[in-house]
């Protein structure tokens, strides 16, 4: 488990965390969060009691506690109970503290929006459009990104039809597709762009998005034609779909003389776009 530890501030109080590069997850110190939300004189005891309560209730969150070595005030590192973001938010719901209410309201809002989006999928696209606009993306890029989400959904629906399991198997097949068209694994691609937790697709150029869509759409169509029966056959199909886009990438690169797989990320792209707009007004 390759890790990178850091400290962030929440309401002017420190929260220790670890970045797990293999799982691409942040893990947060539960004790630090409990200390912030409860102002308990003994946050360790508070968490110990809460952990026992969760265990007695049969909460699956209890099973997801991860112990990681975090630095203490004496400079030494000690095993500390940690949660990833999802499990931490679920645990916060069990803490009766006024300071936890903003988290609970946010979770309730997200849950309500998910129900709305299930009944009317267009709402999900409208919300995504607004989020991307607020982040400074151009409408042209956003339209491509939203189309890529639709293409991805068609692919995962096909995988589900073929018995592919969500989670690890989806990740493996996605990696096969990416390696076939971009000649980089997802992890290598993200490292190339200087990304950690950020979404790879959210940091692709227009042309990268187009080729990624071509790879996933091709995989979907090939899968519908060949109807793979097991995971190994699905991996073969994923590589074939990726190779379709890989061939297109090489053809474009031979004509333009430049690589399509770019180290540019979303920050670079938005900064360049703003610079062009400012320059055009001068």
C-alpha atoms as a PDB file:
ATOM      1  CA  UNK A   1       0.000   0.000   0.000  1.00  0.00           C
ATOM      2  CA  UNK A   2       1.765   3.113  -1.189  1.00  0.00           C
ATOM      3  CA  UNK A   3       0.740   6.057   0.970  1.00  0.00           C
ATOM      4  CA  UNK A   4       1.218   9.772   1.238  1.00  0.00           C
ATOM      5  CA  UNK A   5       0.171  11.433   4.468  1.00  0.00           C
ATOM      6  CA  UNK A   6      -0.870  15.024   4.939  1.00  0.00           C
ATOM      7  CA  UNK A   7      -2.830  17.269   7.279  1.00  0.00           C
ATOM      8  CA  UNK A   8      -5.807  19.387   6.276  1.00  0.00           C
ATOM      9  CA  UNK A   9      -7.702  21.968   8.288  1.00  0.00           C
ATOM     10  CA  UNK A  10     -11.378  21.716   9.102  1.00  0.00           C
ATOM     11  CA  UNK A  11     -12.822  24.622  11.110  1.00  0.00           C
ATOM     12  CA  UNK A  12      -9.248  25.531  12.042  1.00  0.00           C
ATOM     13  CA  UNK A  13      -8.569  22.061  13.463  1.00  0.00           C
ATOM     14  CA  UNK A  14      -6.192  19.497  12.004  1.00  0.00           C
ATOM     15  CA  UNK A  15      -7.360  16.311  10.321  1.00  0.00           C
ATOM     16  CA  UNK A  16      -4.758  13.707   9.479  1.00  0.00           C
ATOM     17  CA  UNK A  17      -5.199  11.725   6.286  1.00  0.00           C
ATOM     18  CA  UNK A  18      -3.456   9.221   4.005  1.00  0.00           C
ATOM     19  CA  UNK A  19      -3.591   8.962   0.220  1.00  0.00           C
ATOM     20  CA  UNK A  20      -3.595   5.322  -0.903  1.00  0.00           C
ATOM     21  CA  UNK A  21      -2.278   5.372  -4.474  1.00  0.00           C
ATOM     22  CA  UNK A  22      -3.245   1.757  -5.189  1.00  0.00           C
ATOM     23  CA  UNK A  23      -6.880   2.225  -4.168  1.00  0.00           C
ATOM     24  CA  UNK A  24      -6.908   5.904  -5.182  1.00  0.00           C
ATOM     25  CA  UNK A  25      -8.617   6.794  -1.901  1.00  0.00           C
ATOM     26  CA  UNK A  26      -8.096   9.291   0.897  1.00  0.00           C
ATOM     27  CA  UNK A  27      -8.314   7.783   4.388  1.00  0.00           C
ATOM     28  CA  UNK A  28      -9.081  10.115   7.308  1.00  0.00           C
ATOM     29  CA  UNK A  29      -8.358   9.797  11.022  1.00  0.00           C
ATOM     30  CA  UNK A  30     -11.666   9.047  12.736  1.00  0.00           C
ATOM     31  CA  UNK A  31     -10.377  10.340  16.065  1.00  0.00           C
ATOM     32  CA  UNK A  32      -9.664  13.752  14.519  1.00  0.00           C
ATOM     33  CA  UNK A  33     -13.175  13.980  13.054  1.00  0.00           C
ATOM     34  CA  UNK A  34     -14.770  12.886  16.341  1.00  0.00           C
ATOM     35  CA  UNK A  35     -12.734  15.522  18.169  1.00  0.00           C
ATOM     36  CA  UNK A  36     -13.997  18.241  15.825  1.00  0.00           C
ATOM     37  CA  UNK A  37     -17.660  17.224  15.807  1.00  0.00           C
ATOM     38  CA  UNK A  38     -18.098  16.425  19.521  1.00  0.00           C
ATOM     39  CA  UNK A  39     -15.560  18.585  21.384  1.00  0.00           C
ATOM     40  CA  UNK A  40     -15.248  15.525  23.615  1.00  0.00           C
ATOM     41  CA  UNK A  41     -12.656  15.679  26.390  1.00  0.00           C
ATOM     42  CA  UNK A  42     -11.748  12.129  25.414  1.00  0.00           C
ATOM     43  CA  UNK A  43     -12.368  11.576  21.670  1.00  0.00           C
ATOM     44  CA  UNK A  44     -10.650   8.181  21.797  1.00  0.00           C
ATOM     45  CA  UNK A  45     -13.129   6.958  24.400  1.00  0.00           C
ATOM     46  CA  UNK A  46     -16.015   8.468  22.420  1.00  0.00           C
ATOM     47  CA  UNK A  47     -14.922   6.646  19.274  1.00  0.00           C
ATOM     48  CA  UNK A  48     -14.365   3.398  21.228  1.00  0.00           C
ATOM     49  CA  UNK A  49     -17.935   3.546  22.551  1.00  0.00           C
ATOM     50  CA  UNK A  50     -19.342   4.451  19.126  1.00  0.00           C
ATOM     51  CA  UNK A  51     -17.370   1.639  17.499  1.00  0.00           C
ATOM     52  CA  UNK A  52     -18.811  -0.855  20.007  1.00  0.00           C
ATOM     53  CA  UNK A  53     -22.303   0.479  19.293  1.00  0.00           C
ATOM     54  CA  UNK A  54     -21.829   0.108  15.533  1.00  0.00           C
ATOM     55  CA  UNK A  55     -20.553  -3.442  16.024  1.00  0.00           C
ATOM     56  CA  UNK A  56     -23.545  -4.405  18.199  1.00  0.00           C
ATOM     57  CA  UNK A  57     -25.915  -2.970  15.597  1.00  0.00           C
ATOM     58  CA  UNK A  58     -24.240  -5.089  12.928  1.00  0.00           C
ATOM     59  CA  UNK A  59     -23.244  -2.026  10.909  1.00  0.00           C
ATOM     60  CA  UNK A  60     -21.124  -2.950   7.899  1.00  0.00           C
ATOM     61  CA  UNK A  61     -19.275   0.349   8.384  1.00  0.00           C
ATOM     62  CA  UNK A  62     -17.601  -1.160  11.450  1.00  0.00           C
ATOM     63  CA  UNK A  63     -16.046  -3.838   9.231  1.00  0.00           C
ATOM     64  CA  UNK A  64     -14.470  -1.167   7.021  1.00  0.00           C
ATOM     65  CA  UNK A  65     -12.245   0.411   9.674  1.00  0.00           C
ATOM     66  CA  UNK A  66      -8.648   0.531   8.401  1.00  0.00           C
ATOM     67  CA  UNK A  67      -5.668   0.984  10.703  1.00  0.00           C
ATOM     68  CA  UNK A  68      -2.899   3.166   9.305  1.00  0.00           C
ATOM     69  CA  UNK A  69       0.198   4.634  10.894  1.00  0.00           C
ATOM     70  CA  UNK A  70      -0.399   8.363  11.369  1.00  0.00           C
ATOM     71  CA  UNK A  71       1.923  10.928  12.966  1.00  0.00           C
ATOM     72  CA  UNK A  72       1.064  11.998  16.510  1.00  0.00           C
ATOM     73  CA  UNK A  73       1.970  15.159  18.409  1.00  0.00           C
ATOM     74  CA  UNK A  74       5.191  13.529  19.635  1.00  0.00           C
ATOM     75  CA  UNK A  75       6.362  13.105  16.034  1.00  0.00           C
ATOM     76  CA  UNK A  76       6.034   9.326  16.097  1.00  0.00           C
ATOM     77  CA  UNK A  77       3.604   7.300  14.016  1.00  0.00           C
ATOM     78  CA  UNK A  78       0.954   5.103  15.624  1.00  0.00           C
ATOM     79  CA  UNK A  79      -1.758   2.789  14.294  1.00  0.00           C
ATOM     80  CA  UNK A  80      -4.885   4.896  13.949  1.00  0.00           C
ATOM     81  CA  UNK A  81      -8.430   3.940  12.954  1.00  0.00           C
ATOM     82  CA  UNK A  82      -9.280   5.462   9.576  1.00  0.00           C
ATOM     83  CA  UNK A  83     -12.190   5.547   7.139  1.00  0.00           C
ATOM     84  CA  UNK A  84     -12.411   6.434   3.482  1.00  0.00           C
ATOM     85  CA  UNK A  85     -14.703   9.326   2.576  1.00  0.00           C
ATOM     86  CA  UNK A  86     -17.856   7.255   2.055  1.00  0.00           C
ATOM     87  CA  UNK A  87     -17.619   5.337   5.332  1.00  0.00           C
ATOM     88  CA  UNK A  88     -16.656   8.485   7.218  1.00  0.00           C
ATOM     89  CA  UNK A  89     -19.771  10.296   6.018  1.00  0.00           C
ATOM     90  CA  UNK A  90     -21.919   7.314   6.983  1.00  0.00           C
ATOM     91  CA  UNK A  91     -20.369   7.263  10.467  1.00  0.00           C
ATOM     92  CA  UNK A  92     -20.949  10.996  10.949  1.00  0.00           C
ATOM     93  CA  UNK A  93     -24.667  10.270  10.735  1.00  0.00           C
ATOM     94  CA  UNK A  94     -24.334   8.316  13.989  1.00  0.00           C
ATOM     95  CA  UNK A  95     -22.822  11.265  15.871  1.00  0.00           C
ATOM     96  CA  UNK A  96     -25.532  13.404  17.594  1.00  0.00           C
ATOM     97  CA  UNK A  97     -23.753  16.712  17.283  1.00  0.00           C
ATOM     98  CA  UNK A  98     -24.964  20.105  15.955  1.00  0.00           C
ATOM     99  CA  UNK A  99     -21.641  20.343  14.120  1.00  0.00           C
ATOM    100  CA  UNK A 100     -22.505  17.176  12.209  1.00  0.00           C
ATOM    101  CA  UNK A 101     -25.756  18.616  10.870  1.00  0.00           C
ATOM    102  CA  UNK A 102     -24.187  20.265   7.770  1.00  0.00           C
ATOM    103  CA  UNK A 103     -22.877  16.849   6.768  1.00  0.00           C
ATOM    104  CA  UNK A 104     -26.247  15.189   7.374  1.00  0.00           C
ATOM    105  CA  UNK A 105     -28.116  17.873   5.414  1.00  0.00           C
ATOM    106  CA  UNK A 106     -25.668  17.471   2.547  1.00  0.00           C
ATOM    107  CA  UNK A 107     -26.116  13.688   2.563  1.00  0.00           C
ATOM    108  CA  UNK A 108     -29.902  14.040   2.605  1.00  0.00           C
ATOM    109  CA  UNK A 109     -29.741  16.495  -0.304  1.00  0.00           C
ATOM    110  CA  UNK A 110     -27.513  14.163  -2.316  1.00  0.00           C
ATOM    111  CA  UNK A 111     -29.819  11.236  -1.576  1.00  0.00           C
ATOM    112  CA  UNK A 112     -32.877  13.221  -2.668  1.00  0.00           C
ATOM    113  CA  UNK A 113     -31.160  14.330  -5.874  1.00  0.00           C
ATOM    114  CA  UNK A 114     -30.282  10.716  -6.676  1.00  0.00           C
ATOM    115  CA  UNK A 115     -33.970   9.744  -6.346  1.00  0.00           C
ATOM    116  CA  UNK A 116     -34.963  12.640  -8.613  1.00  0.00           C
ATOM    117  CA  UNK A 117     -32.316  11.680 -11.166  1.00  0.00           C
ATOM    118  CA  UNK A 118     -33.510   8.056 -11.195  1.00  0.00           C
ATOM    119  CA  UNK A 119     -37.015   9.251 -12.084  1.00  0.00           C
ATOM    120  CA  UNK A 120     -35.771  11.894 -14.560  1.00  0.00           C
ATOM    121  CA  UNK A 121     -32.219  11.189 -15.879  1.00  0.00           C
ATOM    122  CA  UNK A 122     -32.144  14.588 -17.627  1.00  0.00           C
ATOM    123  CA  UNK A 123     -31.836  16.214 -14.201  1.00  0.00           C
ATOM    124  CA  UNK A 124     -28.484  14.478 -13.715  1.00  0.00           C
ATOM    125  CA  UNK A 125     -27.205  15.991 -16.966  1.00  0.00           C
ATOM    126  CA  UNK A 126     -28.557  19.447 -16.063  1.00  0.00           C
ATOM    127  CA  UNK A 127     -26.843  19.340 -12.670  1.00  0.00           C
ATOM    128  CA  UNK A 128     -23.627  18.076 -14.221  1.00  0.00           C
ATOM    129  CA  UNK A 129     -23.721  20.910 -16.771  1.00  0.00           C
ATOM    130  CA  UNK A 130     -24.047  23.503 -13.979  1.00  0.00           C
ATOM    131  CA  UNK A 131     -21.256  21.936 -11.932  1.00  0.00           C
ATOM    132  CA  UNK A 132     -18.849  21.924 -14.891  1.00  0.00           C
ATOM    133  CA  UNK A 133     -19.774  25.508 -15.814  1.00  0.00           C
ATOM    134  CA  UNK A 134     -19.027  26.647 -12.260  1.00  0.00           C
ATOM    135  CA  UNK A 135     -15.640  24.941 -12.497  1.00  0.00           C
ATOM    136  CA  UNK A 136     -14.822  27.009 -15.564  1.00  0.00           C
ATOM    137  CA  UNK A 137     -15.139  24.447 -18.365  1.00  0.00           C
ATOM    138  CA  UNK A 138     -16.273  25.586 -21.804  1.00  0.00           C
ATOM    139  CA  UNK A 139     -19.711  24.534 -23.041  1.00  0.00           C
ATOM    140  CA  UNK A 140     -18.064  22.739 -25.972  1.00  0.00           C
ATOM    141  CA  UNK A 141     -15.976  20.601 -23.603  1.00  0.00           C
ATOM    142  CA  UNK A 142     -18.956  19.985 -21.310  1.00  0.00           C
ATOM    143  CA  UNK A 143     -21.083  18.708 -24.192  1.00  0.00           C
ATOM    144  CA  UNK A 144     -18.340  16.221 -25.053  1.00  0.00           C
ATOM    145  CA  UNK A 145     -18.024  15.167 -21.403  1.00  0.00           C
ATOM    146  CA  UNK A 146     -21.754  14.616 -20.990  1.00  0.00           C
ATOM    147  CA  UNK A 147     -21.812  12.561 -24.191  1.00  0.00           C
ATOM    148  CA  UNK A 148     -18.965  10.467 -22.787  1.00  0.00           C
ATOM    149  CA  UNK A 149     -21.081   9.755 -19.685  1.00  0.00           C
ATOM    150  CA  UNK A 150     -23.899   8.483 -21.919  1.00  0.00           C
ATOM    151  CA  UNK A 151     -21.481   6.263 -23.862  1.00  0.00           C
ATOM    152  CA  UNK A 152     -20.003   4.935 -20.618  1.00  0.00           C
ATOM    153  CA  UNK A 153     -23.480   4.092 -19.283  1.00  0.00           C
ATOM    154  CA  UNK A 154     -24.259   2.089 -22.417  1.00  0.00           C
ATOM    155  CA  UNK A 155     -21.029   0.159 -21.920  1.00  0.00           C
ATOM    156  CA  UNK A 156     -21.657  -0.620 -18.242  1.00  0.00           C
ATOM    157  CA  UNK A 157     -25.218  -1.706 -19.083  1.00  0.00           C
ATOM    158  CA  UNK A 158     -23.719  -4.137 -21.611  1.00  0.00           C
ATOM    159  CA  UNK A 159     -21.196  -5.383 -19.039  1.00  0.00           C
ATOM    160  CA  UNK A 160     -23.992  -5.944 -16.559  1.00  0.00           C
ATOM    161  CA  UNK A 161     -25.836  -7.932 -19.217  1.00  0.00           C
ATOM    162  CA  UNK A 162     -22.708 -10.080 -19.668  1.00  0.00           C
ATOM    163  CA  UNK A 163     -22.364 -10.795 -15.943  1.00  0.00           C
ATOM    164  CA  UNK A 164     -19.420  -8.459 -15.276  1.00  0.00           C
ATOM    165  CA  UNK A 165     -19.326  -7.428 -11.615  1.00  0.00           C
ATOM    166  CA  UNK A 166     -19.231  -3.786 -10.589  1.00  0.00           C
ATOM    167  CA  UNK A 167     -16.118  -2.538  -8.874  1.00  0.00           C
ATOM    168  CA  UNK A 168     -12.907  -4.427  -9.511  1.00  0.00           C
ATOM    169  CA  UNK A 169     -13.997  -6.149 -12.741  1.00  0.00           C
ATOM    170  CA  UNK A 170     -15.264  -2.860 -14.209  1.00  0.00           C
ATOM    171  CA  UNK A 171     -11.914  -1.287 -13.297  1.00  0.00           C
ATOM    172  CA  UNK A 172      -9.926  -4.091 -14.915  1.00  0.00           C
ATOM    173  CA  UNK A 173     -11.901  -3.890 -18.164  1.00  0.00           C
ATOM    174  CA  UNK A 174     -11.664  -0.091 -18.211  1.00  0.00           C
ATOM    175  CA  UNK A 175      -7.921  -0.443 -17.806  1.00  0.00           C
ATOM    176  CA  UNK A 176      -7.778  -2.886 -20.733  1.00  0.00           C
ATOM    177  CA  UNK A 177      -9.634  -0.405 -22.952  1.00  0.00           C
ATOM    178  CA  UNK A 178      -7.449   2.523 -21.892  1.00  0.00           C
ATOM    179  CA  UNK A 179      -4.176   0.637 -22.402  1.00  0.00           C
ATOM    180  CA  UNK A 180      -5.322  -0.506 -25.844  1.00  0.00           C
ATOM    181  CA  UNK A 181      -6.099   2.984 -27.170  1.00  0.00           C
ATOM    182  CA  UNK A 182      -3.807   5.270 -25.142  1.00  0.00           C
ATOM    183  CA  UNK A 183      -0.910   2.867 -24.598  1.00  0.00           C
ATOM    184  CA  UNK A 184      -1.096   3.708 -20.888  1.00  0.00           C
ATOM    185  CA  UNK A 185      -2.898   2.121 -17.960  1.00  0.00           C
ATOM    186  CA  UNK A 186      -5.406   4.334 -16.141  1.00  0.00           C
ATOM    187  CA  UNK A 187      -2.919   4.777 -13.290  1.00  0.00           C
ATOM    188  CA  UNK A 188      -0.081   5.658 -15.696  1.00  0.00           C
ATOM    189  CA  UNK A 189      -2.375   8.055 -17.568  1.00  0.00           C
ATOM    190  CA  UNK A 190      -3.362   9.864 -14.364  1.00  0.00           C
ATOM    191  CA  UNK A 191       0.257  10.067 -13.225  1.00  0.00           C
ATOM    192  CA  UNK A 192       1.194  11.448 -16.671  1.00  0.00           C
ATOM    193  CA  UNK A 193      -1.348  14.233 -16.137  1.00  0.00           C
ATOM    194  CA  UNK A 194      -0.261  14.836 -12.542  1.00  0.00           C
ATOM    195  CA  UNK A 195      -3.578  13.639 -11.090  1.00  0.00           C
ATOM    196  CA  UNK A 196      -4.388  11.831  -7.860  1.00  0.00           C
ATOM    197  CA  UNK A 197      -8.013  11.595  -6.767  1.00  0.00           C
ATOM    198  CA  UNK A 198      -9.260  13.705  -9.672  1.00  0.00           C
ATOM    199  CA  UNK A 199     -11.241  12.086 -12.461  1.00  0.00           C
ATOM    200  CA  UNK A 200      -9.173  11.195 -15.524  1.00  0.00           C
ATOM    201  CA  UNK A 201     -12.034  11.974 -17.917  1.00  0.00           C
ATOM    202  CA  UNK A 202     -12.577  15.369 -16.276  1.00  0.00           C
ATOM    203  CA  UNK A 203      -8.997  16.201 -17.220  1.00  0.00           C
ATOM    204  CA  UNK A 204      -8.973  14.976 -20.818  1.00  0.00           C
ATOM    205  CA  UNK A 205      -8.753  17.237 -23.849  1.00  0.00           C
ATOM    206  CA  UNK A 206     -11.603  17.203 -26.369  1.00  0.00           C
ATOM    207  CA  UNK A 207      -9.741  14.794 -28.627  1.00  0.00           C
ATOM    208  CA  UNK A 208      -8.838  12.479 -25.765  1.00  0.00           C
ATOM    209  CA  UNK A 209     -12.504  12.369 -24.766  1.00  0.00           C
ATOM    210  CA  UNK A 210     -13.539  11.603 -28.350  1.00  0.00           C
ATOM    211  CA  UNK A 211     -11.102   8.702 -28.653  1.00  0.00           C
ATOM    212  CA  UNK A 212     -12.049   7.365 -25.232  1.00  0.00           C
ATOM    213  CA  UNK A 213     -15.703   7.467 -26.308  1.00  0.00           C
ATOM    214  CA  UNK A 214     -14.823   5.664 -29.535  1.00  0.00           C
ATOM    215  CA  UNK A 215     -13.001   2.977 -27.545  1.00  0.00           C
ATOM    216  CA  UNK A 216     -15.926   2.434 -25.170  1.00  0.00           C
ATOM    217  CA  UNK A 217     -18.603   2.619 -27.880  1.00  0.00           C
ATOM    218  CA  UNK A 218     -16.632   0.109 -29.986  1.00  0.00           C
ATOM    219  CA  UNK A 219     -16.330  -2.223 -27.009  1.00  0.00           C
ATOM    220  CA  UNK A 220     -20.093  -2.042 -26.486  1.00  0.00           C
ATOM    221  CA  UNK A 221     -20.868  -2.883 -30.119  1.00  0.00           C
ATOM    222  CA  UNK A 222     -18.314  -5.714 -30.301  1.00  0.00           C
ATOM    223  CA  UNK A 223     -19.690  -7.151 -27.060  1.00  0.00           C
ATOM    224  CA  UNK A 224     -23.240  -7.079 -28.428  1.00  0.00           C
ATOM    225  CA  UNK A 225     -22.021  -8.942 -31.508  1.00  0.00           C
ATOM    226  CA  UNK A 226     -19.772 -11.524 -29.808  1.00  0.00           C
ATOM    227  CA  UNK A 227     -21.777 -11.938 -26.566  1.00  0.00           C
ATOM    228  CA  UNK A 228     -18.840 -12.875 -24.280  1.00  0.00           C
ATOM    229  CA  UNK A 229     -19.759 -15.509 -21.689  1.00  0.00           C
ATOM    230  CA  UNK A 230     -17.087 -14.966 -19.044  1.00  0.00           C
ATOM    231  CA  UNK A 231     -14.670 -12.397 -17.699  1.00  0.00           C
ATOM    232  CA  UNK A 232     -11.741 -13.566 -19.835  1.00  0.00           C
ATOM    233  CA  UNK A 233     -13.803 -13.173 -23.002  1.00  0.00           C
ATOM    234  CA  UNK A 234     -14.917  -9.720 -21.832  1.00  0.00           C
ATOM    235  CA  UNK A 235     -11.252  -8.724 -21.428  1.00  0.00           C
ATOM    236  CA  UNK A 236     -10.566  -9.781 -25.023  1.00  0.00           C
ATOM    237  CA  UNK A 237     -13.520  -7.706 -26.245  1.00  0.00           C
ATOM    238  CA  UNK A 238     -12.371  -4.711 -24.169  1.00  0.00           C
ATOM    239  CA  UNK A 239      -8.931  -4.850 -25.808  1.00  0.00           C
ATOM    240  CA  UNK A 240     -10.504  -5.133 -29.265  1.00  0.00           C
ATOM    241  CA  UNK A 241     -12.690  -2.082 -28.627  1.00  0.00           C
ATOM    242  CA  UNK A 242      -9.725  -0.138 -27.342  1.00  0.00           C
ATOM    243  CA  UNK A 243      -7.630  -1.081 -30.373  1.00  0.00           C
ATOM    244  CA  UNK A 244     -10.233   0.485 -32.676  1.00  0.00           C
ATOM    245  CA  UNK A 245      -9.612   3.857 -31.027  1.00  0.00           C
ATOM    246  CA  UNK A 246      -5.887   3.128 -30.789  1.00  0.00           C
ATOM    247  CA  UNK A 247      -5.719   2.750 -34.564  1.00  0.00           C
ATOM    248  CA  UNK A 248      -7.588   6.046 -35.002  1.00  0.00           C
ATOM    249  CA  UNK A 249      -5.192   7.740 -32.570  1.00  0.00           C
ATOM    250  CA  UNK A 250      -2.118   6.591 -34.499  1.00  0.00           C
ATOM    251  CA  UNK A 251      -3.661   7.724 -37.793  1.00  0.00           C
ATOM    252  CA  UNK A 252      -4.425  11.202 -36.433  1.00  0.00           C
ATOM    253  CA  UNK A 253      -0.967  11.496 -34.890  1.00  0.00           C
ATOM    254  CA  UNK A 254       0.676  10.518 -38.165  1.00  0.00           C
ATOM    255  CA  UNK A 255      -1.221  13.323 -39.922  1.00  0.00           C
ATOM    256  CA  UNK A 256      -0.706  16.000 -37.256  1.00  0.00           C
ATOM    257  CA  UNK A 257       2.745  15.057 -36.002  1.00  0.00           C
ATOM    258  CA  UNK A 258       1.722  15.496 -32.372  1.00  0.00           C
ATOM    259  CA  UNK A 259       0.670  13.164 -29.580  1.00  0.00           C
ATOM    260  CA  UNK A 260      -3.009  13.071 -28.637  1.00  0.00           C
ATOM    261  CA  UNK A 261      -2.356  11.643 -25.171  1.00  0.00           C
ATOM    262  CA  UNK A 262      -1.556  14.904 -23.423  1.00  0.00           C
ATOM    263  CA  UNK A 263      -0.082  15.818 -20.023  1.00  0.00           C
ATOM    264  CA  UNK A 264      -2.520  18.755 -19.924  1.00  0.00           C
ATOM    265  CA  UNK A 265      -5.134  18.541 -17.187  1.00  0.00           C
ATOM    266  CA  UNK A 266      -8.325  20.480 -16.528  1.00  0.00           C
ATOM    267  CA  UNK A 267      -6.511  23.314 -14.732  1.00  0.00           C
ATOM    268  CA  UNK A 268      -4.177  23.821 -17.684  1.00  0.00           C
ATOM    269  CA  UNK A 269      -7.011  23.754 -20.209  1.00  0.00           C
ATOM    270  CA  UNK A 270      -9.189  26.245 -18.319  1.00  0.00           C
ATOM    271  CA  UNK A 271      -6.245  28.580 -17.717  1.00  0.00           C
ATOM    272  CA  UNK A 272      -5.362  28.561 -21.427  1.00  0.00           C
ATOM    273  CA  UNK A 273      -8.995  29.234 -22.350  1.00  0.00           C
ATOM    274  CA  UNK A 274      -9.195  32.213 -19.956  1.00  0.00           C
ATOM    275  CA  UNK A 275      -5.892  33.551 -21.275  1.00  0.00           C
ATOM    276  CA  UNK A 276      -7.152  33.393 -24.875  1.00  0.00           C
ATOM    277  CA  UNK A 277     -10.351  35.240 -23.907  1.00  0.00           C
ATOM    278  CA  UNK A 278      -8.429  37.951 -22.062  1.00  0.00           C
ATOM    279  CA  UNK A 279      -6.028  38.333 -24.970  1.00  0.00           C
ATOM    280  CA  UNK A 280      -8.890  38.625 -27.457  1.00  0.00           C
ATOM    281  CA  UNK A 281     -10.345  41.537 -25.471  1.00  0.00           C
ATOM    282  CA  UNK A 282      -7.037  43.477 -25.387  1.00  0.00           C
END
